[in-house]
Amino acid sequence: MKFVAISDTHGLHRNLSLPEGDVIMHGGDFCDLGKEAQVHDFLDWYDSLDFAHKIFIAGNHDLMAADEPRKFRSLIPEGITYLEDSGITIGGIQIWGSPYQPDLIGWAFGRPRGAAMQQHWDLIPESTDLLLTHTPPQGILDQSSSGLTLGCEELKQRLAFIRPRVHVFGHIHAAYGQDRRDGIHFINASNINSRHGLVNEAVTFEW
């Protein structure tokens, strides 16, 4: 089964050139400022893609998903799976998704570090095979263009118990890339580069 991972398209999704695959997943920030028109445009585009399975989460820019959750969910076409501290199983692969990230209070799904973040990560089943979050864990593909490491400490701690085979995220645009540590394949799939626009390709992996 071939997965295609994208994230942080910020309203520029139609400029992407996507490879073929079985499952596409978006790691959040599909909007720029979370306006309803941008939500409609993203969902129309996502619905048109030729993938057997389409999964996505929100990010801190996807304000409508946080502020008007019922209306937002009503817009999602049948056949697209939105995950918010929830999971889905595809071909025996247990997938869990969460849009929450530390800091950025006042933006969508922002929480203070510490216990407020931990309560979301405690929900992740230990049987999770593939984890999709907006934030990276601390110290893994989380370095900003200014050199700060902005990932979530509590998520890093939880990963030691979950140990998924793959962890896909975005949020920190400058840290696009892949890493492998302790048997986990980490993917920062941010398509946008804050300085240069939508320049990063989708990341693919086989299961």
Foldseek 3Di string as FASTA:
>chain_A
DKEWEAEQQALVVVPADADDDAEYEYQANCHNQQDPVSLLVVQVVQVPDPHQAYEYEYEQRNQCCQPVVVVSVVSHDPRYYYADLDWDADPNAIEHEHHAFEDPPVTGRYDHADPRVLVSLVSDDLQHQEYRYAFDAFPALQQAPVGDRRGHPSNVVSCVRSVHQEYEYENRPVSADWDDDPNHIYGHNYQADPVPGRHGHIDMDDD
